[in-house]
C-alpha atoms as a PDB file:
ATOM      1  CA  MET A   1      -8.635  16.351 -25.352  1.00  0.00           C
ATOM      2  CA  ASN A   2     -12.188  17.183 -24.468  1.00  0.00           C
ATOM      3  CA  PRO A   3     -12.731  16.823 -20.690  1.00  0.00           C
ATOM      4  CA  LEU A   4     -16.040  15.106 -21.448  1.00  0.00           C
ATOM      5  CA  ASP A   5     -14.073  12.287 -23.088  1.00  0.00           C
ATOM      6  CA  CYS A   6     -11.112  12.204 -20.680  1.00  0.00           C
ATOM      7  CA  LEU A   7     -10.998   8.986 -18.636  1.00  0.00           C
ATOM      8  CA  PHE A   8      -9.816  10.746 -15.470  1.00  0.00           C
ATOM      9  CA  CYS A   9     -12.373  13.545 -15.819  1.00  0.00           C
ATOM     10  CA  ARG A  10     -15.089  10.909 -16.144  1.00  0.00           C
ATOM     11  CA  ILE A  11     -13.837   9.141 -12.993  1.00  0.00           C
ATOM     12  CA  ALA A  12     -13.616  12.468 -11.117  1.00  0.00           C
ATOM     13  CA  ARG A  13     -17.226  13.280 -12.086  1.00  0.00           C
ATOM     14  CA  GLY A  14     -18.392   9.852 -10.934  1.00  0.00           C
ATOM     15  CA  ASP A  15     -19.347   8.762 -14.459  1.00  0.00           C
ATOM     16  CA  LEU A  16     -17.001   5.760 -14.252  1.00  0.00           C
ATOM     17  CA  PRO A  17     -16.316   3.530 -11.251  1.00  0.00           C
ATOM     18  CA  ALA A  18     -13.018   3.606  -9.366  1.00  0.00           C
ATOM     19  CA  ARG A  19     -11.667   2.359  -6.045  1.00  0.00           C
ATOM     20  CA  VAL A  20     -11.480   5.806  -4.497  1.00  0.00           C
ATOM     21  CA  VAL A  21      -9.327   6.091  -1.374  1.00  0.00           C
ATOM     22  CA  HIS A  22      -9.506   9.886  -0.994  1.00  0.00           C
ATOM     23  CA  ALA A  23     -11.661  12.661  -2.436  1.00  0.00           C
ATOM     24  CA  SER A  24     -11.490  16.403  -1.827  1.00  0.00           C
ATOM     25  CA  GLU A  25     -12.399  19.628  -3.580  1.00  0.00           C
ATOM     26  CA  HIS A  26      -9.422  19.628  -5.971  1.00  0.00           C
ATOM     27  CA  VAL A  27      -8.281  16.004  -6.211  1.00  0.00           C
ATOM     28  CA  ILE A  28      -9.421  12.433  -6.209  1.00  0.00           C
ATOM     29  CA  ALA A  29      -7.146   9.486  -5.393  1.00  0.00           C
ATOM     30  CA  PHE A  30      -7.943   5.975  -6.545  1.00  0.00           C
ATOM     31  CA  LEU A  31      -6.236   2.667  -7.202  1.00  0.00           C
ATOM     32  CA  ASP A  32      -4.594   2.149 -10.579  1.00  0.00           C
ATOM     33  CA  ILE A  33      -6.289  -0.818 -12.284  1.00  0.00           C
ATOM     34  CA  ARG A  34      -2.953  -1.647 -13.941  1.00  0.00           C
ATOM     35  CA  PRO A  35      -0.759  -1.322 -10.871  1.00  0.00           C
ATOM     36  CA  ILE A  36       3.019  -1.437 -10.838  1.00  0.00           C
ATOM     37  CA  ARG A  37       2.631  -2.837  -7.314  1.00  0.00           C
ATOM     38  CA  ARG A  38      -0.311  -3.614  -5.034  1.00  0.00           C
ATOM     39  CA  GLY A  39      -1.547  -0.355  -3.507  1.00  0.00           C
ATOM     40  CA  HIS A  40      -0.498   1.805  -6.508  1.00  0.00           C
ATOM     41  CA  VAL A  41      -2.612   4.967  -6.180  1.00  0.00           C
ATOM     42  CA  LEU A  42      -3.249   7.701  -8.740  1.00  0.00           C
ATOM     43  CA  VAL A  43      -3.751  11.229  -7.402  1.00  0.00           C
ATOM     44  CA  VAL A  44      -5.698  13.131 -10.040  1.00  0.00           C
ATOM     45  CA  PRO A  45      -6.884  16.741 -10.200  1.00  0.00           C
ATOM     46  CA  ARG A  46     -10.651  16.910 -10.600  1.00  0.00           C
ATOM     47  CA  SER A  47     -10.262  19.576 -13.291  1.00  0.00           C
ATOM     48  CA  HIS A  48      -8.660  18.738 -16.611  1.00  0.00           C
ATOM     49  CA  PHE A  49      -5.038  19.834 -16.997  1.00  0.00           C
ATOM     50  CA  PRO A  50      -3.146  18.094 -19.822  1.00  0.00           C
ATOM     51  CA  PHE A  51       0.299  18.664 -18.253  1.00  0.00           C
ATOM     52  CA  TYR A  52       1.453  18.770 -14.643  1.00  0.00           C
ATOM     53  CA  ASP A  53       3.060  22.155 -15.247  1.00  0.00           C
ATOM     54  CA  ASP A  54      -0.426  23.474 -16.120  1.00  0.00           C
ATOM     55  CA  LEU A  55      -1.624  22.843 -12.561  1.00  0.00           C
ATOM     56  CA  PRO A  56      -2.494  25.953 -10.558  1.00  0.00           C
ATOM     57  CA  SER A  57      -0.340  26.141  -7.421  1.00  0.00           C
ATOM     58  CA  GLU A  58      -3.275  25.356  -5.143  1.00  0.00           C
ATOM     59  CA  VAL A  59      -4.119  22.169  -7.037  1.00  0.00           C
ATOM     60  CA  ALA A  60      -0.464  21.091  -7.253  1.00  0.00           C
ATOM     61  CA  HIS A  61      -0.200  21.646  -3.497  1.00  0.00           C
ATOM     62  CA  ASP A  62      -3.243  19.429  -2.916  1.00  0.00           C
ATOM     63  CA  VAL A  63      -1.879  16.677  -5.186  1.00  0.00           C
ATOM     64  CA  MET A  64       1.413  16.707  -3.268  1.00  0.00           C
ATOM     65  CA  GLY A  65      -0.347  16.861   0.105  1.00  0.00           C
ATOM     66  CA  VAL A  66      -2.479  13.822  -0.677  1.00  0.00           C
ATOM     67  CA  ALA A  67       0.589  11.951  -1.957  1.00  0.00           C
ATOM     68  CA  GLN A  68       2.493  12.790   1.239  1.00  0.00           C
ATOM     69  CA  ARG A  69      -0.440  11.648   3.353  1.00  0.00           C
ATOM     70  CA  LEU A  70      -0.646   8.392   1.391  1.00  0.00           C
ATOM     71  CA  ALA A  71       3.083   7.535   1.582  1.00  0.00           C
ATOM     72  CA  PRO A  72       3.273   6.456   5.256  1.00  0.00           C
ATOM     73  CA  VAL A  73      -0.072   4.688   4.919  1.00  0.00           C
ATOM     74  CA  LEU A  74       1.170   2.713   1.905  1.00  0.00           C
ATOM     75  CA  ARG A  75       4.521   1.963   3.578  1.00  0.00           C
ATOM     76  CA  ALA A  76       2.767   0.503   6.608  1.00  0.00           C
ATOM     77  CA  SER A  77      -0.141  -1.138   4.781  1.00  0.00           C
ATOM     78  CA  PHE A  78       1.975  -2.896   2.168  1.00  0.00           C
ATOM     79  CA  GLN A  79       5.084  -3.313   4.339  1.00  0.00           C
ATOM     80  CA  VAL A  80       7.580  -1.610   2.067  1.00  0.00           C
ATOM     81  CA  GLU A  81      10.493   0.605   3.020  1.00  0.00           C
ATOM     82  CA  ARG A  82       9.948   3.191   0.304  1.00  0.00           C
ATOM     83  CA  VAL A  83       7.080   4.728  -1.652  1.00  0.00           C
ATOM     84  CA  GLY A  84       7.760   6.342  -5.021  1.00  0.00           C
ATOM     85  CA  LEU A  85       6.047   9.442  -6.364  1.00  0.00           C
ATOM     86  CA  PHE A  86       6.127  10.483  -9.988  1.00  0.00           C
ATOM     87  CA  PHE A  87       4.075  12.422 -12.500  1.00  0.00           C
ATOM     88  CA  THR A  88       3.381  11.097 -15.951  1.00  0.00           C
ATOM     89  CA  GLY A  89       0.944  11.663 -18.722  1.00  0.00           C
ATOM     90  CA  VAL A  90       2.043   9.093 -21.237  1.00  0.00           C
ATOM     91  CA  ASP A  91      -1.091   6.954 -21.190  1.00  0.00           C
ATOM     92  CA  ILE A  92      -3.667   9.616 -20.326  1.00  0.00           C
ATOM     93  CA  ALA A  93      -3.226  13.305 -21.149  1.00  0.00           C
ATOM     94  CA  HIS A  94      -4.488  14.493 -17.761  1.00  0.00           C
ATOM     95  CA  ALA A  95      -1.939  15.508 -15.129  1.00  0.00           C
ATOM     96  CA  HIS A  96      -1.699  12.870 -12.424  1.00  0.00           C
ATOM     97  CA  ALA A  97       0.687  11.560  -9.814  1.00  0.00           C
ATOM     98  CA  HIS A  98       1.511   7.924  -9.178  1.00  0.00           C
ATOM     99  CA  VAL A  99       2.128   6.927  -5.561  1.00  0.00           C
ATOM    100  CA  VAL A 100       3.671   3.454  -5.645  1.00  0.00           C
ATOM    101  CA  PRO A 101       4.758   1.118  -2.847  1.00  0.00           C
ATOM    102  CA  MET A 102       8.216   0.118  -4.059  1.00  0.00           C
ATOM    103  CA  VAL A 103       9.333  -3.488  -3.750  1.00  0.00           C
ATOM    104  CA  GLU A 104      12.230  -3.384  -6.228  1.00  0.00           C
ATOM    105  CA  PRO A 105      14.450  -0.445  -7.229  1.00  0.00           C
ATOM    106  CA  THR A 106      13.207  -0.890 -10.792  1.00  0.00           C
ATOM    107  CA  ASP A 107       9.568  -0.270  -9.815  1.00  0.00           C
ATOM    108  CA  VAL A 108      10.172   3.406 -10.578  1.00  0.00           C
ATOM    109  CA  THR A 109      13.394   4.144 -12.408  1.00  0.00           C
ATOM    110  CA  SER A 110      15.072   6.126 -15.129  1.00  0.00           C
ATOM    111  CA  ARG A 111      16.286   4.697 -18.423  1.00  0.00           C
ATOM    112  CA  ARG A 112      19.757   5.909 -17.423  1.00  0.00           C
ATOM    113  CA  TYR A 113      20.037   3.120 -14.840  1.00  0.00           C
ATOM    114  CA  ILE A 114      19.069   0.299 -17.207  1.00  0.00           C
ATOM    115  CA  ALA A 115      22.013  -1.514 -18.729  1.00  0.00           C
ATOM    116  CA  GLN A 116      20.251  -3.105 -21.716  1.00  0.00           C
ATOM    117  CA  GLU A 117      20.235  -1.053 -24.902  1.00  0.00           C
ATOM    118  CA  THR A 118      16.867  -2.324 -26.113  1.00  0.00           C
ATOM    119  CA  LEU A 119      13.876  -2.692 -23.860  1.00  0.00           C
ATOM    120  CA  THR A 120      10.366  -3.718 -24.680  1.00  0.00           C
ATOM    121  CA  PHE A 121       7.318  -2.707 -22.688  1.00  0.00           C
ATOM    122  CA  ARG A 122       3.848  -4.071 -22.207  1.00  0.00           C
ATOM    123  CA  PRO A 123       0.880  -2.747 -20.250  1.00  0.00           C
ATOM    124  CA  ALA A 124       0.797  -3.916 -16.666  1.00  0.00           C
ATOM    125  CA  ALA A 125      -1.758  -6.640 -16.059  1.00  0.00           C
ATOM    126  CA  LEU A 126      -5.204  -5.698 -14.835  1.00  0.00           C
ATOM    127  CA  ALA A 127      -5.458  -6.277 -11.119  1.00  0.00           C
ATOM    128  CA  PRO A 128      -8.202  -8.649  -9.972  1.00  0.00           C
ATOM    129  CA  PRO A 129     -11.240  -6.683  -8.733  1.00  0.00           C
ATOM    130  CA  ASP A 130     -11.210  -8.364  -5.310  1.00  0.00           C
ATOM    131  CA  GLU A 131      -7.546  -7.416  -4.844  1.00  0.00           C
ATOM    132  CA  LEU A 132      -8.336  -3.789  -5.753  1.00  0.00           C
ATOM    133  CA  ASP A 133     -11.298  -3.773  -3.352  1.00  0.00           C
ATOM    134  CA  ALA A 134      -9.192  -5.162  -0.499  1.00  0.00           C
ATOM    135  CA  ALA A 135      -6.342  -2.706  -1.128  1.00  0.00           C
ATOM    136  CA  ALA A 136      -8.747   0.241  -1.330  1.00  0.00           C
ATOM    137  CA  GLU A 137     -10.381  -0.701   1.980  1.00  0.00           C
ATOM    138  CA  LEU A 138      -7.003  -1.156   3.654  1.00  0.00           C
ATOM    139  CA  ILE A 139      -5.829   2.288   2.495  1.00  0.00           C
ATOM    140  CA  LYS A 140      -9.098   4.038   3.399  1.00  0.00           C
ATOM    141  CA  ARG A 141      -9.095   2.510   6.901  1.00  0.00           C
ATOM    142  CA  ALA A 142      -5.458   3.496   7.416  1.00  0.00           C
ATOM    143  CA  LEU A 143      -6.081   7.039   6.117  1.00  0.00           C
ATOM    144  CA  GLY A 144      -8.993   7.355   8.529  1.00  0.00           C
ATOM    145  CA  SER A 145      -6.861   6.105  11.418  1.00  0.00           C
ATOM    146  CA  ALA A 146      -4.020   8.449  10.478  1.00  0.00           C
ATOM    147  CA  ALA A 147      -6.389  11.427  10.453  1.00  0.00           C
ATOM    148  CA  ARG A 148      -7.555  10.591  13.989  1.00  0.00           C
ATOM    149  CA  SER A 149      -4.064   9.879  15.349  1.00  0.00           C
ATOM    150  CA  PRO A 150      -2.286  12.643  17.300  1.00  0.00           C
ATOM    151  CA  SER A 151       0.878  11.844  15.337  1.00  0.00           C
ATOM    152  CA  ALA A 152      -0.902  11.999  11.966  1.00  0.00           C
ATOM    153  CA  ARG A 153       1.426  14.766  10.820  1.00  0.00           C
ATOM    154  CA  GLY A 154       4.503  12.662  11.533  1.00  0.00           C
ATOM    155  CA  ARG A 155       5.962   9.815   9.563  1.00  0.00           C
ATOM    156  CA  ALA A 156       4.706   6.292  10.093  1.00  0.00           C
ATOM    157  CA  PRO A 157       7.186   4.042  11.868  1.00  0.00           C
ATOM    158  CA  ARG A 158       9.318   2.039   9.499  1.00  0.00           C
ATOM    159  CA  SER A 159      10.077  -1.597   9.989  1.00  0.00           C
END
């Protein structure tokens, strides 16, 4: 795919709007508009890499670091016990990580754990813009607070 046409490259360049919650030299993190759960964040390299195993170590490190920084923020902000992290590339051929507040064990799962032989899938519904705006602001405020907190490197308390 040509990076000029890639949806995530266009978002990273600022050509398309997104609810950005974090931006740095190598990565940009923004809310998924078809979230599995409220607060579902995509962590995307700014440069185009079709597969996650194409990522240079420095970029992969930054993707993981942002995901780790987001996890306690998402746990606290969306009051979940667990946050899932996974890489895909099914919908968009640009390496990216999903950081998802998990409500149900099936929010992020393997086919091996599903008892039914035949499953059907549909795209997740588009989230309402006001819900995305509110979630983005909540995450950005919490990320800012975490960066200023002396215990920012530790895990957020769990309820």
